[in-house]
Amino acid sequence: MEEKKLAELRPLPAAVCVGADESLEQLVRTVLDHPDSHDLCVVNEDGGLLGVINIKSIFRKIFSHHTDPQVMVRHLISLVSSEDVGDIMIADPVIAVETETVDDAIRKMIAHDLGELPVVDERGWLLGSISIHTILEAWLQTEGEGVGKDTSESKLTQS
């Protein structure tokens, strides 16, 4: 998959998108409507990616009263005082551009411990997302066939 571009995986799975003005309750409803998603992509009216919200941030925001008092106070104050999407989104998220290779996306996902990446075009408009599942499916289709297959018959006859 070294040379395969992300654009070759089109159509990319749709990213789960929210607007910048959505309430916490709306974010939770969106998360529940998309249980397999790890992130919500915050987009403007034109489809431009503004940021990403990891669902763990939403969880920590709602249940901040369960946080250990030893946690950094500054982080806790900003989390508890957040009022809207802009307060909890990552404004400069790790992304993939559709002209990058699948291997580039894999490296980013591993380096940043991410389950999915938003994929944008050269203008920064959101095209979809690429997840671990998407990459594993592509791997199975191109390189995974035959890898790790057990030749049980020959092992049985050798015993």
N, C-alpha and C. Protein backbone atom coordinates (compact mmCIF):
# COMPACT_ATOMS: atom_id res chain seq x y z
N MET A 1 0.83 -1.20 0.00
CA MET A 1 0.00 0.00 0.00
C MET A 1 0.87 1.25 0.00
N GLU A 2 2.18 1.07 -0.14
CA GLU A 2 3.10 2.20 -0.04
C GLU A 2 2.77 3.34 -0.98
N GLU A 3 2.43 3.03 -2.21
CA GLU A 3 2.21 4.08 -3.21
C GLU A 3 0.75 4.47 -3.38
N LYS A 4 -0.14 3.73 -2.76
CA LYS A 4 -1.57 3.99 -2.93
C LYS A 4 -1.94 5.30 -2.25
N LYS A 5 -2.58 6.19 -3.00
CA LYS A 5 -3.01 7.48 -2.47
C LYS A 5 -4.37 7.34 -1.79
N LEU A 6 -4.60 8.19 -0.81
CA LEU A 6 -5.90 8.17 -0.13
C LEU A 6 -7.04 8.41 -1.11
N ALA A 7 -6.79 9.22 -2.13
CA ALA A 7 -7.82 9.50 -3.13
C ALA A 7 -8.28 8.22 -3.84
N GLU A 8 -7.41 7.21 -3.88
CA GLU A 8 -7.78 5.95 -4.53
C GLU A 8 -8.75 5.13 -3.69
N LEU A 9 -8.93 5.51 -2.43
CA LEU A 9 -9.88 4.80 -1.56
C LEU A 9 -11.28 5.39 -1.66
N ARG A 10 -11.46 6.36 -2.53
CA ARG A 10 -12.77 7.00 -2.67
C ARG A 10 -13.79 5.99 -3.15
N PRO A 11 -15.01 6.10 -2.77
CA PRO A 11 -15.52 7.13 -1.85
C PRO A 11 -15.09 6.81 -0.43
N LEU A 12 -14.57 7.81 0.23
CA LEU A 12 -14.17 7.68 1.63
C LEU A 12 -15.42 7.61 2.50
N PRO A 13 -15.33 6.89 3.60
CA PRO A 13 -16.46 6.90 4.53
C PRO A 13 -16.74 8.33 4.99
N ALA A 14 -17.99 8.65 5.09
CA ALA A 14 -18.36 10.00 5.51
C ALA A 14 -17.89 10.27 6.93
N ALA A 15 -17.37 11.44 7.14
CA ALA A 15 -16.98 11.85 8.48
C ALA A 15 -18.23 12.27 9.23
N VAL A 16 -18.24 12.10 10.52
CA VAL A 16 -19.35 12.56 11.35
C VAL A 16 -19.10 14.05 11.61
N CYS A 17 -19.99 14.88 11.11
CA CYS A 17 -19.78 16.33 11.16
C CYS A 17 -20.77 17.02 12.08
N VAL A 18 -20.28 18.10 12.69
CA VAL A 18 -21.12 18.98 13.50
C VAL A 18 -20.76 20.41 13.15
N GLY A 19 -21.68 21.31 13.46
CA GLY A 19 -21.43 22.72 13.26
C GLY A 19 -20.78 23.33 14.49
N ALA A 20 -20.17 24.46 14.29
CA ALA A 20 -19.44 25.13 15.38
C ALA A 20 -20.37 25.67 16.46
N ASP A 21 -21.65 25.79 16.17
CA ASP A 21 -22.58 26.40 17.13
C ASP A 21 -23.45 25.37 17.86
N GLU A 22 -23.13 24.09 17.74
CA GLU A 22 -23.95 23.06 18.37
C GLU A 22 -23.74 23.01 19.88
N SER A 23 -24.78 22.65 20.56
CA SER A 23 -24.73 22.55 22.02
C SER A 23 -24.13 21.21 22.44
N LEU A 24 -23.78 21.10 23.69
CA LEU A 24 -23.26 19.86 24.24
C LEU A 24 -24.27 18.73 24.08
N GLU A 25 -25.55 19.04 24.31
CA GLU A 25 -26.59 18.03 24.14
C GLU A 25 -26.64 17.53 22.69
N GLN A 26 -26.50 18.44 21.72
CA GLN A 26 -26.50 18.03 20.31
C GLN A 26 -25.28 17.16 20.00
N LEU A 27 -24.15 17.49 20.59
CA LEU A 27 -22.95 16.68 20.38
C LEU A 27 -23.16 15.26 20.90
N VAL A 28 -23.75 15.15 22.09
CA VAL A 28 -24.00 13.83 22.67
C VAL A 28 -24.95 13.04 21.78
N ARG A 29 -25.99 13.67 21.29
CA ARG A 29 -26.92 12.97 20.39
C ARG A 29 -26.21 12.47 19.13
N THR A 30 -25.32 13.29 18.60
CA THR A 30 -24.56 12.90 17.41
C THR A 30 -23.65 11.71 17.72
N VAL A 31 -22.99 11.74 18.86
CA VAL A 31 -22.13 10.62 19.27
C VAL A 31 -22.96 9.34 19.38
N LEU A 32 -24.12 9.42 19.98
CA LEU A 32 -24.97 8.24 20.15
C LEU A 32 -25.51 7.73 18.83
N ASP A 33 -25.71 8.64 17.88
CA ASP A 33 -26.17 8.24 16.54
C ASP A 33 -25.07 7.56 15.72
N HIS A 34 -23.82 7.74 16.14
CA HIS A 34 -22.67 7.20 15.40
C HIS A 34 -21.72 6.48 16.38
N PRO A 35 -22.15 5.35 16.91
CA PRO A 35 -21.38 4.70 17.98
C PRO A 35 -20.00 4.20 17.57
N ASP A 36 -19.72 4.05 16.29
CA ASP A 36 -18.41 3.56 15.87
C ASP A 36 -17.39 4.67 15.65
N SER A 37 -17.83 5.90 15.77
CA SER A 37 -16.94 7.02 15.51
C SER A 37 -16.19 7.44 16.77
N HIS A 38 -14.94 7.82 16.58
CA HIS A 38 -14.11 8.29 17.69
C HIS A 38 -14.08 9.80 17.76
N ASP A 39 -14.31 10.44 16.62
CA ASP A 39 -14.18 11.89 16.52
C ASP A 39 -15.37 12.50 15.79
N LEU A 40 -15.61 13.75 16.11
CA LEU A 40 -16.59 14.56 15.38
C LEU A 40 -15.80 15.65 14.66
N CYS A 41 -16.07 15.84 13.39
CA CYS A 41 -15.40 16.89 12.63
C CYS A 41 -16.27 18.14 12.68
N VAL A 42 -15.67 19.25 13.10
CA VAL A 42 -16.37 20.52 13.16
C VAL A 42 -16.12 21.22 11.83
N VAL A 43 -17.21 21.52 11.12
CA VAL A 43 -17.08 22.14 9.80
C VAL A 43 -17.85 23.44 9.73
N ASN A 44 -17.42 24.31 8.81
CA ASN A 44 -18.17 25.53 8.55
C ASN A 44 -19.26 25.24 7.52
N GLU A 45 -19.99 26.26 7.15
CA GLU A 45 -21.12 26.09 6.22
C GLU A 45 -20.68 25.57 4.86
N ASP A 46 -19.44 25.84 4.46
CA ASP A 46 -18.94 25.43 3.15
C ASP A 46 -18.28 24.06 3.15
N GLY A 47 -18.23 23.41 4.32
CA GLY A 47 -17.60 22.10 4.41
C GLY A 47 -16.12 22.16 4.75
N GLY A 48 -15.65 23.34 5.09
CA GLY A 48 -14.26 23.47 5.51
C GLY A 48 -14.08 22.95 6.92
N LEU A 49 -13.00 22.23 7.14
CA LEU A 49 -12.72 21.65 8.45
C LEU A 49 -12.19 22.72 9.39
N LEU A 50 -12.90 22.92 10.50
CA LEU A 50 -12.49 23.89 11.52
C LEU A 50 -11.71 23.23 12.64
N GLY A 51 -12.04 21.97 12.92
CA GLY A 51 -11.39 21.26 14.01
C GLY A 51 -12.01 19.90 14.21
N VAL A 52 -11.55 19.23 15.25
CA VAL A 52 -12.02 17.89 15.58
C VAL A 52 -12.30 17.83 17.07
N ILE A 53 -13.35 17.11 17.43
CA ILE A 53 -13.65 16.86 18.84
C ILE A 53 -13.59 15.36 19.05
N ASN A 54 -12.71 14.93 19.91
CA ASN A 54 -12.65 13.53 20.28
C ASN A 54 -13.78 13.28 21.27
N ILE A 55 -14.48 12.16 21.12
CA ILE A 55 -15.63 11.93 22.00
C ILE A 55 -15.21 11.79 23.46
N LYS A 56 -13.96 11.46 23.71
CA LYS A 56 -13.48 11.40 25.09
C LYS A 56 -13.51 12.78 25.74
N SER A 57 -13.30 13.83 24.95
CA SER A 57 -13.36 15.20 25.48
C SER A 57 -14.77 15.54 25.92
N ILE A 58 -15.75 15.09 25.16
CA ILE A 58 -17.15 15.33 25.51
C ILE A 58 -17.46 14.59 26.82
N PHE A 59 -17.01 13.36 26.90
CA PHE A 59 -17.22 12.55 28.10
C PHE A 59 -16.59 13.22 29.32
N ARG A 60 -15.33 13.66 29.17
CA ARG A 60 -14.65 14.33 30.28
C ARG A 60 -15.34 15.63 30.67
N LYS A 61 -15.88 16.34 29.69
CA LYS A 61 -16.59 17.60 29.97
C LYS A 61 -17.82 17.32 30.82
N ILE A 62 -18.60 16.36 30.43
CA ILE A 62 -19.86 16.06 31.12
C ILE A 62 -19.60 15.51 32.52
N PHE A 63 -18.59 14.67 32.64
CA PHE A 63 -18.34 14.01 33.91
C PHE A 63 -17.09 14.54 34.61
N SER A 64 -16.83 15.80 34.44
CA SER A 64 -15.63 16.41 35.03
C SER A 64 -15.65 16.36 36.55
N HIS A 65 -16.84 16.28 37.15
CA HIS A 65 -16.92 16.20 38.61
C HIS A 65 -16.35 14.88 39.15
N HIS A 66 -16.08 13.92 38.25
CA HIS A 66 -15.46 12.66 38.67
C HIS A 66 -13.94 12.69 38.54
N THR A 67 -13.40 13.81 38.11
CA THR A 67 -11.97 13.91 37.87
C THR A 67 -11.20 13.95 39.17
N ASP A 68 -10.10 13.25 39.19
CA ASP A 68 -9.21 13.21 40.35
C ASP A 68 -8.67 14.61 40.62
N PRO A 69 -8.73 15.08 41.84
CA PRO A 69 -8.24 16.42 42.18
C PRO A 69 -6.77 16.63 41.85
N GLN A 70 -6.02 15.57 41.68
CA GLN A 70 -4.60 15.68 41.35
C GLN A 70 -4.36 16.10 39.89
N VAL A 71 -5.43 16.06 39.07
CA VAL A 71 -5.29 16.42 37.66
C VAL A 71 -4.90 17.89 37.54
N MET A 72 -4.19 18.20 36.48
CA MET A 72 -3.76 19.59 36.30
C MET A 72 -4.95 20.54 36.39
N VAL A 73 -4.86 21.50 37.27
CA VAL A 73 -5.95 22.43 37.54
C VAL A 73 -6.29 23.26 36.30
N ARG A 74 -5.28 23.72 35.59
CA ARG A 74 -5.52 24.56 34.41
C ARG A 74 -6.36 23.83 33.37
N HIS A 75 -6.02 22.56 33.10
CA HIS A 75 -6.78 21.77 32.13
C HIS A 75 -8.21 21.56 32.61
N LEU A 76 -8.39 21.28 33.88
CA LEU A 76 -9.71 21.05 34.44
C LEU A 76 -10.57 22.30 34.36
N ILE A 77 -10.00 23.46 34.67
CA ILE A 77 -10.76 24.71 34.61
C ILE A 77 -11.23 25.00 33.19
N SER A 78 -10.35 24.82 32.21
CA SER A 78 -10.76 25.08 30.83
C SER A 78 -11.83 24.09 30.38
N LEU A 79 -11.72 22.84 30.82
CA LEU A 79 -12.70 21.84 30.44
C LEU A 79 -14.06 22.11 31.07
N VAL A 80 -14.08 22.45 32.34
CA VAL A 80 -15.35 22.69 33.04
C VAL A 80 -16.01 23.97 32.55
N SER A 81 -15.23 24.97 32.23
CA SER A 81 -15.80 26.26 31.84
C SER A 81 -16.18 26.34 30.37
N SER A 82 -15.89 25.31 29.59
CA SER A 82 -16.22 25.37 28.16
C SER A 82 -17.73 25.41 27.98
N GLU A 83 -18.13 26.22 27.04
CA GLU A 83 -19.56 26.43 26.80
C GLU A 83 -20.02 25.92 25.44
N ASP A 84 -19.12 25.89 24.46
CA ASP A 84 -19.56 25.51 23.12
C ASP A 84 -18.51 24.63 22.45
N VAL A 85 -18.81 24.26 21.22
CA VAL A 85 -17.95 23.37 20.44
C VAL A 85 -16.53 23.92 20.34
N GLY A 86 -16.41 25.20 20.11
CA GLY A 86 -15.09 25.81 19.96
C GLY A 86 -14.21 25.66 21.18
N ASP A 87 -14.82 25.52 22.34
CA ASP A 87 -14.05 25.39 23.58
C ASP A 87 -13.46 23.99 23.78
N ILE A 88 -14.06 22.99 23.17
CA ILE A 88 -13.54 21.63 23.39
C ILE A 88 -12.95 21.00 22.14
N MET A 89 -13.03 21.68 21.00
CA MET A 89 -12.48 21.08 19.78
C MET A 89 -10.98 21.34 19.68
N ILE A 90 -10.33 20.47 18.98
CA ILE A 90 -8.92 20.64 18.65
C ILE A 90 -8.91 21.45 17.35
N ALA A 91 -8.45 22.69 17.44
CA ALA A 91 -8.53 23.59 16.29
C ALA A 91 -7.47 23.31 15.23
N ASP A 92 -6.44 22.59 15.58
CA ASP A 92 -5.39 22.25 14.62
C ASP A 92 -5.17 20.74 14.66
N PRO A 93 -6.18 19.99 14.18
CA PRO A 93 -6.09 18.53 14.34
C PRO A 93 -5.10 17.90 13.35
N VAL A 94 -4.71 16.69 13.66
CA VAL A 94 -3.93 15.89 12.72
C VAL A 94 -4.89 15.48 11.62
N ILE A 95 -4.51 15.76 10.38
CA ILE A 95 -5.36 15.44 9.23
C ILE A 95 -4.56 14.72 8.17
N ALA A 96 -5.26 14.22 7.20
CA ALA A 96 -4.63 13.65 6.01
C ALA A 96 -5.18 14.40 4.81
N VAL A 97 -4.32 14.65 3.85
CA VAL A 97 -4.73 15.27 2.59
C VAL A 97 -4.87 14.14 1.58
N GLU A 98 -5.88 14.21 0.74
CA GLU A 98 -6.19 13.10 -0.16
C GLU A 98 -5.04 12.73 -1.10
N THR A 99 -4.08 13.63 -1.29
CA THR A 99 -2.94 13.33 -2.16
C THR A 99 -1.83 12.56 -1.43
N GLU A 100 -1.97 12.39 -0.12
CA GLU A 100 -0.99 11.62 0.64
C GLU A 100 -1.22 10.14 0.40
N THR A 101 -0.20 9.36 0.73
CA THR A 101 -0.34 7.91 0.59
C THR A 101 -1.03 7.33 1.83
N VAL A 102 -1.55 6.15 1.67
CA VAL A 102 -2.15 5.43 2.78
C VAL A 102 -1.10 5.21 3.87
N ASP A 103 0.13 4.91 3.46
CA ASP A 103 1.20 4.71 4.43
C ASP A 103 1.46 5.98 5.25
N ASP A 104 1.36 7.15 4.61
CA ASP A 104 1.51 8.41 5.35
C ASP A 104 0.43 8.53 6.43
N ALA A 105 -0.80 8.19 6.06
CA ALA A 105 -1.91 8.24 7.02
C ALA A 105 -1.68 7.25 8.16
N ILE A 106 -1.20 6.06 7.83
CA ILE A 106 -0.93 5.05 8.86
C ILE A 106 0.12 5.57 9.84
N ARG A 107 1.18 6.16 9.31
CA ARG A 107 2.23 6.70 10.19
C ARG A 107 1.68 7.75 11.14
N LYS A 108 0.84 8.65 10.62
CA LYS A 108 0.23 9.68 11.46
C LYS A 108 -0.65 9.07 12.54
N MET A 109 -1.45 8.08 12.15
CA MET A 109 -2.36 7.46 13.10
C MET A 109 -1.60 6.76 14.22
N ILE A 110 -0.52 6.08 13.86
CA ILE A 110 0.28 5.39 14.87
C ILE A 110 1.01 6.40 15.76
N ALA A 111 1.62 7.40 15.14
CA ALA A 111 2.40 8.39 15.90
C ALA A 111 1.55 9.17 16.89
N HIS A 112 0.28 9.41 16.54
CA HIS A 112 -0.59 10.21 17.39
C HIS A 112 -1.65 9.37 18.11
N ASP A 113 -1.56 8.04 17.99
CA ASP A 113 -2.48 7.12 18.63
C ASP A 113 -3.94 7.46 18.30
N LEU A 114 -4.23 7.55 16.99
CA LEU A 114 -5.56 7.92 16.52
C LEU A 114 -6.26 6.73 15.88
N GLY A 115 -7.57 6.69 16.07
CA GLY A 115 -8.38 5.65 15.44
C GLY A 115 -8.91 6.06 14.09
N GLU A 116 -8.89 7.34 13.80
CA GLU A 116 -9.35 7.84 12.51
C GLU A 116 -8.76 9.21 12.24
N LEU A 117 -8.74 9.56 10.97
CA LEU A 117 -8.22 10.86 10.54
C LEU A 117 -9.21 11.51 9.58
N PRO A 118 -9.47 12.79 9.73
CA PRO A 118 -10.24 13.48 8.71
C PRO A 118 -9.39 13.60 7.44
N VAL A 119 -10.01 13.44 6.30
CA VAL A 119 -9.31 13.59 5.02
C VAL A 119 -9.87 14.82 4.33
N VAL A 120 -8.97 15.72 3.94
CA VAL A 120 -9.36 16.97 3.30
C VAL A 120 -8.74 17.06 1.91
N ASP A 121 -9.30 17.95 1.09
CA ASP A 121 -8.68 18.22 -0.19
C ASP A 121 -7.63 19.32 0.00
N GLU A 122 -7.05 19.78 -1.08
CA GLU A 122 -5.99 20.78 -1.00
C GLU A 122 -6.48 22.11 -0.42
N ARG A 123 -7.78 22.38 -0.50
CA ARG A 123 -8.34 23.62 0.05
C ARG A 123 -8.70 23.51 1.52
N GLY A 124 -8.62 22.30 2.08
CA GLY A 124 -8.99 22.10 3.47
C GLY A 124 -10.44 21.72 3.65
N TRP A 125 -11.12 21.40 2.57
CA TRP A 125 -12.53 20.97 2.66
C TRP A 125 -12.57 19.50 2.99
N LEU A 126 -13.44 19.17 3.90
CA LEU A 126 -13.57 17.81 4.39
C LEU A 126 -14.16 16.89 3.32
N LEU A 127 -13.47 15.79 3.05
CA LEU A 127 -13.95 14.81 2.07
C LEU A 127 -14.52 13.57 2.74
N GLY A 128 -14.09 13.31 3.94
CA GLY A 128 -14.52 12.11 4.66
C GLY A 128 -13.50 11.81 5.73
N SER A 129 -13.47 10.57 6.16
CA SER A 129 -12.47 10.20 7.15
C SER A 129 -11.93 8.82 6.81
N ILE A 130 -10.75 8.57 7.30
CA ILE A 130 -10.15 7.26 7.13
C ILE A 130 -9.92 6.70 8.52
N SER A 131 -10.36 5.48 8.72
CA SER A 131 -10.26 4.87 10.05
C SER A 131 -9.39 3.62 9.98
N ILE A 132 -9.09 3.10 11.13
CA ILE A 132 -8.36 1.85 11.20
C ILE A 132 -9.10 0.78 10.39
N HIS A 133 -10.42 0.75 10.50
CA HIS A 133 -11.22 -0.24 9.77
C HIS A 133 -11.05 -0.10 8.27
N THR A 134 -11.08 1.15 7.77
CA THR A 134 -10.93 1.40 6.34
C THR A 134 -9.58 0.89 5.84
N ILE A 135 -8.54 1.17 6.61
CA ILE A 135 -7.19 0.76 6.21
C ILE A 135 -7.05 -0.75 6.27
N LEU A 136 -7.59 -1.38 7.31
CA LEU A 136 -7.51 -2.83 7.39
C LEU A 136 -8.26 -3.50 6.25
N GLU A 137 -9.41 -2.95 5.85
CA GLU A 137 -10.15 -3.50 4.71
C GLU A 137 -9.33 -3.39 3.44
N ALA A 138 -8.70 -2.23 3.21
CA ALA A 138 -7.86 -2.04 2.03
C ALA A 138 -6.68 -3.00 2.04
N TRP A 139 -6.10 -3.21 3.21
CA TRP A 139 -4.97 -4.12 3.35
C TRP A 139 -5.38 -5.55 2.99
N LEU A 140 -6.53 -5.96 3.50
CA LEU A 140 -7.02 -7.32 3.19
C LEU A 140 -7.23 -7.50 1.70
N GLN A 141 -7.76 -6.47 1.04
CA GLN A 141 -8.05 -6.58 -0.38
C GLN A 141 -6.79 -6.60 -1.23
N THR A 142 -5.73 -5.93 -0.78
CA THR A 142 -4.55 -5.84 -1.63
C THR A 142 -3.39 -6.73 -1.19
N GLU A 143 -3.12 -6.78 0.10
CA GLU A 143 -1.92 -7.46 0.56
C GLU A 143 -2.20 -8.58 1.54
N GLY A 144 -3.35 -8.57 2.15
CA GLY A 144 -3.61 -9.52 3.22
C GLY A 144 -3.95 -10.91 2.76
N GLU A 145 -4.35 -11.04 1.49
CA GLU A 145 -4.72 -12.36 1.01
C GLU A 145 -3.52 -13.28 1.03
N GLY A 146 -3.63 -14.35 1.72
CA GLY A 146 -2.54 -15.32 1.80
C GLY A 146 -1.61 -15.11 2.97
N VAL A 147 -1.62 -13.92 3.56
CA VAL A 147 -0.73 -13.66 4.68
C VAL A 147 -1.28 -14.35 5.92
N GLY A 148 -0.48 -15.12 6.55
CA GLY A 148 -0.88 -15.75 7.81
C GLY A 148 -1.80 -16.96 7.64
N LYS A 149 -2.04 -17.38 6.39
CA LYS A 149 -2.89 -18.55 6.21
C LYS A 149 -2.16 -19.78 6.73
N ASP A 150 -2.90 -20.56 7.44
CA ASP A 150 -2.33 -21.76 8.05
C ASP A 150 -2.52 -22.94 7.10
N THR A 151 -1.48 -23.65 6.86
CA THR A 151 -1.58 -24.85 6.04
C THR A 151 -1.78 -26.04 6.96
N SER A 152 -2.93 -26.09 7.56
CA SER A 152 -3.24 -27.12 8.56
C SER A 152 -3.16 -28.53 7.99
N GLU A 153 -3.58 -28.69 6.73
CA GLU A 153 -3.56 -30.02 6.14
C GLU A 153 -2.16 -30.60 6.14
N SER A 154 -1.19 -29.79 5.69
CA SER A 154 0.18 -30.30 5.62
C SER A 154 0.73 -30.54 7.02
N LYS A 155 0.34 -29.72 8.00
CA LYS A 155 0.82 -29.94 9.36
C LYS A 155 0.22 -31.21 9.93
N LEU A 156 -1.03 -31.49 9.58
CA LEU A 156 -1.68 -32.69 10.10
C LEU A 156 -1.04 -33.94 9.52
N THR A 157 -0.70 -33.89 8.23
CA THR A 157 -0.14 -35.07 7.60
C THR A 157 1.30 -35.32 8.04
N GLN A 158 1.97 -34.28 8.54
CA GLN A 158 3.35 -34.44 8.99
C GLN A 158 3.43 -35.03 10.39
N SER A 159 2.38 -35.02 11.14
CA SER A 159 2.42 -35.51 12.53
C SER A 159 2.45 -36.99 12.60
